[in-house]
């Protein structure tokens, strides 16, 4: 997806600047990870990963926690525009979808998002503390799985670049 298309999505959905900065920082983390995966000989769809990072939270403020989350809303939006592969990737970035991750593209988008609090790269521990304070929710079982994903990534690429 071209930069102009992404900007159009931001405008159509009135995405606030702070959410855009978050998505941009998530894409920076993903780019660093992609580089390390490539060095390790892993083939990835880089454009798909970066685009997913740049649009994953577009529907953040339209979320209704009682019936549907922002990841599903954005996935449906992308599917309506014919971006089914991108929609599938964006849908799985939500915290509770860790068990649904099937490939490195999905894992990189998911993990990159968990390493960015607002527009700062932080440790997983800091991120989970921030989430807990912001929405008064902690799930130690899911957090453990994210730490396991981090280790899985390290097993392939070595030390993390972030």
Foldseek 3Di string as FASTA:
>chain_A
DDPVVLVVLCVVLVPDPLVQLLLQLLLVLLVQLVVLLVVLVDDDPSVLLNVLSNCLCSCQVVADVVPDGRLQVVLVVCVVVVNNVSSVLSNQLDLVNLVVDDDPSSLSSNLSSCQTDRNDGHDNVVSQVSVCVVPVDHDVVSSVSSVVSVVVSCVRRPDRPD
